[in-house]
Amino acid sequence: MTVCLFVVLGKTRTKDKYRVVYTESQRIELEKEFLYHQYITIKRKAELSATLNLSERQVDYYFLLFRLFNNNY
């Protein structure tokens, strides 16, 4: 009897995972904040997330990606 094991690289996509599409006003506010500070403080992250109706993780991730793409292009 042969047992086959399959290794899946990366994560599987589940129904609760989705891509966040920021509204125009959210994007403008996040970009304005990024122009002042490329690294966001914990206090400011909490303020932005409450103001923009986003989670703190979404705000943090936006800054991370914006730094990445801003430096490369």
PDB file of N, CA and C in Angstrom:
ATOM      1  N   MET A   1       0.827  -1.165   0.000  1.00  0.00           N
ATOM      2  CA  MET A   1       0.000   0.000   0.000  1.00  0.00           C
ATOM      3  C   MET A   1       0.881   1.240   0.000  1.00  0.00           C
ATOM      4  N   THR A   2       0.599   2.166  -0.905  1.00  0.00           N
ATOM      5  CA  THR A   2       1.394   3.380  -1.037  1.00  0.00           C
ATOM      6  C   THR A   2       0.596   4.562  -0.497  1.00  0.00           C
ATOM      7  N   VAL A   3       1.257   5.366   0.310  1.00  0.00           N
ATOM      8  CA  VAL A   3       0.612   6.555   0.856  1.00  0.00           C
ATOM      9  C   VAL A   3       1.229   7.771   0.178  1.00  0.00           C
ATOM     10  N   CYS A   4       0.408   8.603  -0.405  1.00  0.00           N
ATOM     11  CA  CYS A   4       0.887   9.816  -1.072  1.00  0.00           C
ATOM     12  C   CYS A   4       0.610  11.016  -0.180  1.00  0.00           C
ATOM     13  N   LEU A   5       1.621  11.800   0.028  1.00  0.00           N
ATOM     14  CA  LEU A   5       1.467  13.036   0.791  1.00  0.00           C
ATOM     15  C   LEU A   5       1.668  14.213  -0.144  1.00  0.00           C
ATOM     16  N   PHE A   6       0.745  15.133  -0.103  1.00  0.00           N
ATOM     17  CA  PHE A   6       0.858  16.327  -0.928  1.00  0.00           C
ATOM     18  C   PHE A   6       1.176  17.512  -0.031  1.00  0.00           C
ATOM     19  N   VAL A   7       2.187  18.242  -0.382  1.00  0.00           N
ATOM     20  CA  VAL A   7       2.564  19.427   0.372  1.00  0.00           C
ATOM     21  C   VAL A   7       2.049  20.646  -0.385  1.00  0.00           C
ATOM     22  N   VAL A   8       1.271  21.415   0.300  1.00  0.00           N
ATOM     23  CA  VAL A   8       0.730  22.622  -0.307  1.00  0.00           C
ATOM     24  C   VAL A   8       1.570  23.796   0.175  1.00  0.00           C
ATOM     25  N   LEU A   9       2.177  24.489  -0.788  1.00  0.00           N
ATOM     26  CA  LEU A   9       2.978  25.651  -0.430  1.00  0.00           C
ATOM     27  C   LEU A   9       2.080  26.880  -0.362  1.00  0.00           C
ATOM     28  N   GLY A  10       2.295  27.706   0.623  1.00  0.00           N
ATOM     29  CA  GLY A  10       1.467  28.895   0.778  1.00  0.00           C
ATOM     30  C   GLY A  10       0.213  28.580   1.556  1.00  0.00           C
ATOM     31  N   LYS A  11      -0.664  29.540   1.627  1.00  0.00           N
ATOM     32  CA  LYS A  11      -1.897  29.375   2.388  1.00  0.00           C
ATOM     33  C   LYS A  11      -3.058  29.101   1.453  1.00  0.00           C
ATOM     34  N   THR A  12      -4.024  28.372   1.950  1.00  0.00           N
ATOM     35  CA  THR A  12      -5.223  28.132   1.156  1.00  0.00           C
ATOM     36  C   THR A  12      -6.164  29.322   1.301  1.00  0.00           C
ATOM     37  N   ARG A  13      -6.918  29.541   0.285  1.00  0.00           N
ATOM     38  CA  ARG A  13      -7.860  30.657   0.288  1.00  0.00           C
ATOM     39  C   ARG A  13      -9.174  30.180   0.889  1.00  0.00           C
ATOM     40  N   THR A  14      -9.640  30.917   1.874  1.00  0.00           N
ATOM     41  CA  THR A  14     -10.906  30.572   2.508  1.00  0.00           C
ATOM     42  C   THR A  14     -11.936  31.650   2.218  1.00  0.00           C
ATOM     43  N   LYS A  15     -13.184  31.341   2.533  1.00  0.00           N
ATOM     44  CA  LYS A  15     -14.244  32.291   2.198  1.00  0.00           C
ATOM     45  C   LYS A  15     -14.217  33.553   3.053  1.00  0.00           C
ATOM     46  N   ASP A  16     -13.552  33.510   4.209  1.00  0.00           N
ATOM     47  CA  ASP A  16     -13.503  34.701   5.048  1.00  0.00           C
ATOM     48  C   ASP A  16     -12.325  35.617   4.717  1.00  0.00           C
ATOM     49  N   LYS A  17     -11.481  35.239   3.774  1.00  0.00           N
ATOM     50  CA  LYS A  17     -10.378  36.093   3.331  1.00  0.00           C
ATOM     51  C   LYS A  17     -10.840  36.902   2.134  1.00  0.00           C
ATOM     52  N   TYR A  18     -10.522  38.159   2.135  1.00  0.00           N
ATOM     53  CA  TYR A  18     -10.916  39.006   1.024  1.00  0.00           C
ATOM     54  C   TYR A  18      -9.932  40.162   0.877  1.00  0.00           C
ATOM     55  N   ARG A  19      -9.980  40.780  -0.255  1.00  0.00           N
ATOM     56  CA  ARG A  19      -9.121  41.924  -0.541  1.00  0.00           C
ATOM     57  C   ARG A  19      -9.860  43.193  -0.140  1.00  0.00           C
ATOM     58  N   VAL A  20      -9.170  44.065   0.567  1.00  0.00           N
ATOM     59  CA  VAL A  20      -9.778  45.314   1.007  1.00  0.00           C
ATOM     60  C   VAL A  20      -9.680  46.336  -0.108  1.00  0.00           C
ATOM     61  N   VAL A  21     -10.807  46.909  -0.464  1.00  0.00           N
ATOM     62  CA  VAL A  21     -10.825  47.990  -1.435  1.00  0.00           C
ATOM     63  C   VAL A  21     -11.124  49.256  -0.662  1.00  0.00           C
ATOM     64  N   TYR A  22     -10.153  50.155  -0.606  1.00  0.00           N
ATOM     65  CA  TYR A  22     -10.314  51.391   0.139  1.00  0.00           C
ATOM     66  C   TYR A  22     -11.159  52.378  -0.664  1.00  0.00           C
ATOM     67  N   THR A  23     -11.994  53.139   0.041  1.00  0.00           N
ATOM     68  CA  THR A  23     -12.766  54.179  -0.629  1.00  0.00           C
ATOM     69  C   THR A  23     -11.833  55.329  -0.975  1.00  0.00           C
ATOM     70  N   GLU A  24     -12.294  56.215  -1.821  1.00  0.00           N
ATOM     71  CA  GLU A  24     -11.475  57.356  -2.239  1.00  0.00           C
ATOM     72  C   GLU A  24     -11.089  58.230  -1.046  1.00  0.00           C
ATOM     73  N   SER A  25     -12.027  58.485  -0.149  1.00  0.00           N
ATOM     74  CA  SER A  25     -11.732  59.327   1.012  1.00  0.00           C
ATOM     75  C   SER A  25     -10.747  58.638   1.967  1.00  0.00           C
ATOM     76  N   GLN A  26     -10.882  57.313   2.154  1.00  0.00           N
ATOM     77  CA  GLN A  26      -9.938  56.584   3.000  1.00  0.00           C
ATOM     78  C   GLN A  26      -8.542  56.631   2.405  1.00  0.00           C
ATOM     79  N   ARG A  27      -8.448  56.427   1.104  1.00  0.00           N
ATOM     80  CA  ARG A  27      -7.158  56.423   0.435  1.00  0.00           C
ATOM     81  C   ARG A  27      -6.486  57.787   0.531  1.00  0.00           C
ATOM     82  N   ILE A  28      -7.247  58.852   0.337  1.00  0.00           N
ATOM     83  CA  ILE A  28      -6.680  60.203   0.407  1.00  0.00           C
ATOM     84  C   ILE A  28      -6.152  60.494   1.808  1.00  0.00           C
ATOM     85  N   GLU A  29      -6.924  60.147   2.832  1.00  0.00           N
ATOM     86  CA  GLU A  29      -6.483  60.387   4.207  1.00  0.00           C
ATOM     87  C   GLU A  29      -5.234  59.580   4.547  1.00  0.00           C
ATOM     88  N   LEU A  30      -5.196  58.324   4.110  1.00  0.00           N
ATOM     89  CA  LEU A  30      -4.014  57.494   4.379  1.00  0.00           C
ATOM     90  C   LEU A  30      -2.787  58.029   3.646  1.00  0.00           C
ATOM     91  N   GLU A  31      -2.958  58.494   2.409  1.00  0.00           N
ATOM     92  CA  GLU A  31      -1.832  59.043   1.665  1.00  0.00           C
ATOM     93  C   GLU A  31      -1.356  60.352   2.265  1.00  0.00           C
ATOM     94  N   LYS A  32      -2.273  61.192   2.737  1.00  0.00           N
ATOM     95  CA  LYS A  32      -1.867  62.443   3.389  1.00  0.00           C
ATOM     96  C   LYS A  32      -1.053  62.155   4.638  1.00  0.00           C
ATOM     97  N   GLU A  33      -1.518  61.191   5.416  1.00  0.00           N
ATOM     98  CA  GLU A  33      -0.781  60.822   6.631  1.00  0.00           C
ATOM     99  C   GLU A  33       0.588  60.272   6.280  1.00  0.00           C
ATOM    100  N   PHE A  34       0.661  59.509   5.195  1.00  0.00           N
ATOM    101  CA  PHE A  34       1.942  58.930   4.771  1.00  0.00           C
ATOM    102  C   PHE A  34       2.931  60.014   4.347  1.00  0.00           C
ATOM    103  N   LEU A  35       2.437  61.096   3.752  1.00  0.00           N
ATOM    104  CA  LEU A  35       3.322  62.185   3.348  1.00  0.00           C
ATOM    105  C   LEU A  35       3.989  62.842   4.557  1.00  0.00           C
ATOM    106  N   TYR A  36       3.264  62.893   5.692  1.00  0.00           N
ATOM    107  CA  TYR A  36       3.831  63.473   6.908  1.00  0.00           C
ATOM    108  C   TYR A  36       4.741  62.495   7.637  1.00  0.00           C
ATOM    109  N   HIS A  37       4.306  61.256   7.736  1.00  0.00           N
ATOM    110  CA  HIS A  37       5.051  60.240   8.488  1.00  0.00           C
ATOM    111  C   HIS A  37       4.990  58.914   7.746  1.00  0.00           C
ATOM    112  N   GLN A  38       6.151  58.384   7.358  1.00  0.00           N
ATOM    113  CA  GLN A  38       6.160  57.097   6.672  1.00  0.00           C
ATOM    114  C   GLN A  38       5.928  55.938   7.636  1.00  0.00           C
ATOM    115  N   TYR A  39       6.218  56.156   8.911  1.00  0.00           N
ATOM    116  CA  TYR A  39       5.989  55.131   9.929  1.00  0.00           C
ATOM    117  C   TYR A  39       4.963  55.674  10.905  1.00  0.00           C
ATOM    118  N   ILE A  40       3.907  54.921  11.111  1.00  0.00           N
ATOM    119  CA  ILE A  40       2.785  55.397  11.913  1.00  0.00           C
ATOM    120  C   ILE A  40       2.947  54.942  13.364  1.00  0.00           C
ATOM    121  N   THR A  41       2.575  55.815  14.294  1.00  0.00           N
ATOM    122  CA  THR A  41       2.632  55.469  15.711  1.00  0.00           C
ATOM    123  C   THR A  41       1.384  54.681  16.096  1.00  0.00           C
ATOM    124  N   ILE A  42       1.442  54.024  17.226  1.00  0.00           N
ATOM    125  CA  ILE A  42       0.314  53.220  17.698  1.00  0.00           C
ATOM    126  C   ILE A  42      -0.893  54.117  17.970  1.00  0.00           C
ATOM    127  N   LYS A  43      -0.641  55.274  18.562  1.00  0.00           N
ATOM    128  CA  LYS A  43      -1.731  56.207  18.871  1.00  0.00           C
ATOM    129  C   LYS A  43      -2.388  56.727  17.588  1.00  0.00           C
ATOM    130  N   ARG A  44      -1.573  57.123  16.633  1.00  0.00           N
ATOM    131  CA  ARG A  44      -2.111  57.666  15.377  1.00  0.00           C
ATOM    132  C   ARG A  44      -2.828  56.575  14.578  1.00  0.00           C
ATOM    133  N   LYS A  45      -2.308  55.353  14.646  1.00  0.00           N
ATOM    134  CA  LYS A  45      -2.953  54.228  13.958  1.00  0.00           C
ATOM    135  C   LYS A  45      -4.361  53.996  14.514  1.00  0.00           C
ATOM    136  N   ALA A  46      -4.505  54.076  15.832  1.00  0.00           N
ATOM    137  CA  ALA A  46      -5.810  53.910  16.466  1.00  0.00           C
ATOM    138  C   ALA A  46      -6.758  55.038  16.059  1.00  0.00           C
ATOM    139  N   GLU A  47      -6.233  56.265  15.998  1.00  0.00           N
ATOM    140  CA  GLU A  47      -7.061  57.405  15.601  1.00  0.00           C
ATOM    141  C   GLU A  47      -7.530  57.264  14.155  1.00  0.00           C
ATOM    142  N   LEU A  48      -6.610  56.915  13.263  1.00  0.00           N
ATOM    143  CA  LEU A  48      -6.962  56.754  11.851  1.00  0.00           C
ATOM    144  C   LEU A  48      -7.963  55.628  11.641  1.00  0.00           C
ATOM    145  N   SER A  49      -7.754  54.514  12.311  1.00  0.00           N
ATOM    146  CA  SER A  49      -8.658  53.378  12.123  1.00  0.00           C
ATOM    147  C   SER A  49     -10.067  53.723  12.598  1.00  0.00           C
ATOM    148  N   ALA A  50     -10.175  54.472  13.689  1.00  0.00           N
ATOM    149  CA  ALA A  50     -11.497  54.872  14.178  1.00  0.00           C
ATOM    150  C   ALA A  50     -12.147  55.880  13.232  1.00  0.00           C
ATOM    151  N   THR A  51     -11.357  56.810  12.729  1.00  0.00           N
ATOM    152  CA  THR A  51     -11.881  57.836  11.833  1.00  0.00           C
ATOM    153  C   THR A  51     -12.310  57.261  10.492  1.00  0.00           C
ATOM    154  N   LEU A  52     -11.533  56.332   9.954  1.00  0.00           N
ATOM    155  CA  LEU A  52     -11.764  55.810   8.606  1.00  0.00           C
ATOM    156  C   LEU A  52     -12.582  54.519   8.570  1.00  0.00           C
ATOM    157  N   ASN A  53     -13.005  54.049   9.743  1.00  0.00           N
ATOM    158  CA  ASN A  53     -13.760  52.790   9.841  1.00  0.00           C
ATOM    159  C   ASN A  53     -12.983  51.613   9.259  1.00  0.00           C
ATOM    160  N   LEU A  54     -11.701  51.549   9.591  1.00  0.00           N
ATOM    161  CA  LEU A  54     -10.847  50.435   9.198  1.00  0.00           C
ATOM    162  C   LEU A  54     -10.278  49.812  10.462  1.00  0.00           C
ATOM    163  N   SER A  55      -9.795  48.587  10.357  1.00  0.00           N
ATOM    164  CA  SER A  55      -9.124  47.989  11.505  1.00  0.00           C
ATOM    165  C   SER A  55      -7.703  48.550  11.583  1.00  0.00           C
ATOM    166  N   GLU A  56      -7.102  48.452  12.748  1.00  0.00           N
ATOM    167  CA  GLU A  56      -5.720  48.920  12.898  1.00  0.00           C
ATOM    168  C   GLU A  56      -4.787  48.114  12.006  1.00  0.00           C
ATOM    169  N   ARG A  57      -5.088  46.860  11.825  1.00  0.00           N
ATOM    170  CA  ARG A  57      -4.273  46.007  10.956  1.00  0.00           C
ATOM    171  C   ARG A  57      -4.344  46.492   9.507  1.00  0.00           C
ATOM    172  N   GLN A  58      -5.503  46.912   9.053  1.00  0.00           N
ATOM    173  CA  GLN A  58      -5.637  47.414   7.687  1.00  0.00           C
ATOM    174  C   GLN A  58      -4.822  48.690   7.493  1.00  0.00           C
ATOM    175  N   VAL A  59      -4.843  49.581   8.488  1.00  0.00           N
ATOM    176  CA  VAL A  59      -4.063  50.819   8.414  1.00  0.00           C
ATOM    177  C   VAL A  59      -2.577  50.484   8.405  1.00  0.00           C
ATOM    178  N   ASP A  60      -2.176  49.590   9.282  1.00  0.00           N
ATOM    179  CA  ASP A  60      -0.779  49.175   9.372  1.00  0.00           C
ATOM    180  C   ASP A  60      -0.315  48.544   8.059  1.00  0.00           C
ATOM    181  N   TYR A  61      -1.132  47.693   7.499  1.00  0.00           N
ATOM    182  CA  TYR A  61      -0.794  47.005   6.254  1.00  0.00           C
ATOM    183  C   TYR A  61      -0.713  47.987   5.094  1.00  0.00           C
ATOM    184  N   TYR A  62      -1.586  48.998   5.085  1.00  0.00           N
ATOM    185  CA  TYR A  62      -1.552  50.020   4.031  1.00  0.00           C
ATOM    186  C   TYR A  62      -0.209  50.754   4.058  1.00  0.00           C
ATOM    187  N   PHE A  63       0.234  51.145   5.245  1.00  0.00           N
ATOM    188  CA  PHE A  63       1.513  51.848   5.362  1.00  0.00           C
ATOM    189  C   PHE A  63       2.665  50.952   4.932  1.00  0.00           C
ATOM    190  N   LEU A  64       2.608  49.698   5.301  1.00  0.00           N
ATOM    191  CA  LEU A  64       3.651  48.743   4.920  1.00  0.00           C
ATOM    192  C   LEU A  64       3.750  48.634   3.400  1.00  0.00           C
ATOM    193  N   LEU A  65       2.632  48.431   2.740  1.00  0.00           N
ATOM    194  CA  LEU A  65       2.638  48.293   1.281  1.00  0.00           C
ATOM    195  C   LEU A  65       2.991  49.601   0.585  1.00  0.00           C
ATOM    196  N   PHE A  66       2.511  50.714   1.131  1.00  0.00           N
ATOM    197  CA  PHE A  66       2.795  52.005   0.504  1.00  0.00           C
ATOM    198  C   PHE A  66       4.289  52.317   0.572  1.00  0.00           C
ATOM    199  N   ARG A  67       4.926  51.982   1.712  1.00  0.00           N
ATOM    200  CA  ARG A  67       6.386  52.163   1.821  1.00  0.00           C
ATOM    201  C   ARG A  67       7.105  51.290   0.808  1.00  0.00           C
ATOM    202  N   LEU A  68       6.656  50.065   0.678  1.00  0.00           N
ATOM    203  CA  LEU A  68       7.287  49.126  -0.230  1.00  0.00           C
ATOM    204  C   LEU A  68       7.216  49.616  -1.679  1.00  0.00           C
ATOM    205  N   PHE A  69       6.028  49.988  -2.130  1.00  0.00           N
ATOM    206  CA  PHE A  69       5.867  50.415  -3.510  1.00  0.00           C
ATOM    207  C   PHE A  69       6.400  51.815  -3.760  1.00  0.00           C
ATOM    208  N   ASN A  70       6.392  52.657  -2.739  1.00  0.00           N
ATOM    209  CA  ASN A  70       6.901  54.011  -2.884  1.00  0.00           C
ATOM    210  C   ASN A  70       8.422  54.004  -3.048  1.00  0.00           C
ATOM    211  N   ASN A  71       9.101  53.092  -2.396  1.00  0.00           N
ATOM    212  CA  ASN A  71      10.569  53.017  -2.478  1.00  0.00           C
ATOM    213  C   ASN A  71      11.030  52.362  -3.761  1.00  0.00           C
ATOM    214  N   ASN A  72      10.238  51.467  -4.332  1.00  0.00           N
ATOM    215  CA  ASN A  72      10.643  50.736  -5.505  1.00  0.00           C
ATOM    216  C   ASN A  72      10.373  51.467  -6.818  1.00  0.00           C
ATOM    217  N   TYR A  73       9.457  52.417  -6.787  1.00  0.00           N
ATOM    218  CA  TYR A  73       9.086  53.087  -8.038  1.00  0.00           C
ATOM    219  C   TYR A  73       9.325  54.551  -8.006  1.00  0.00           C
TER     220      TYR A  73
END
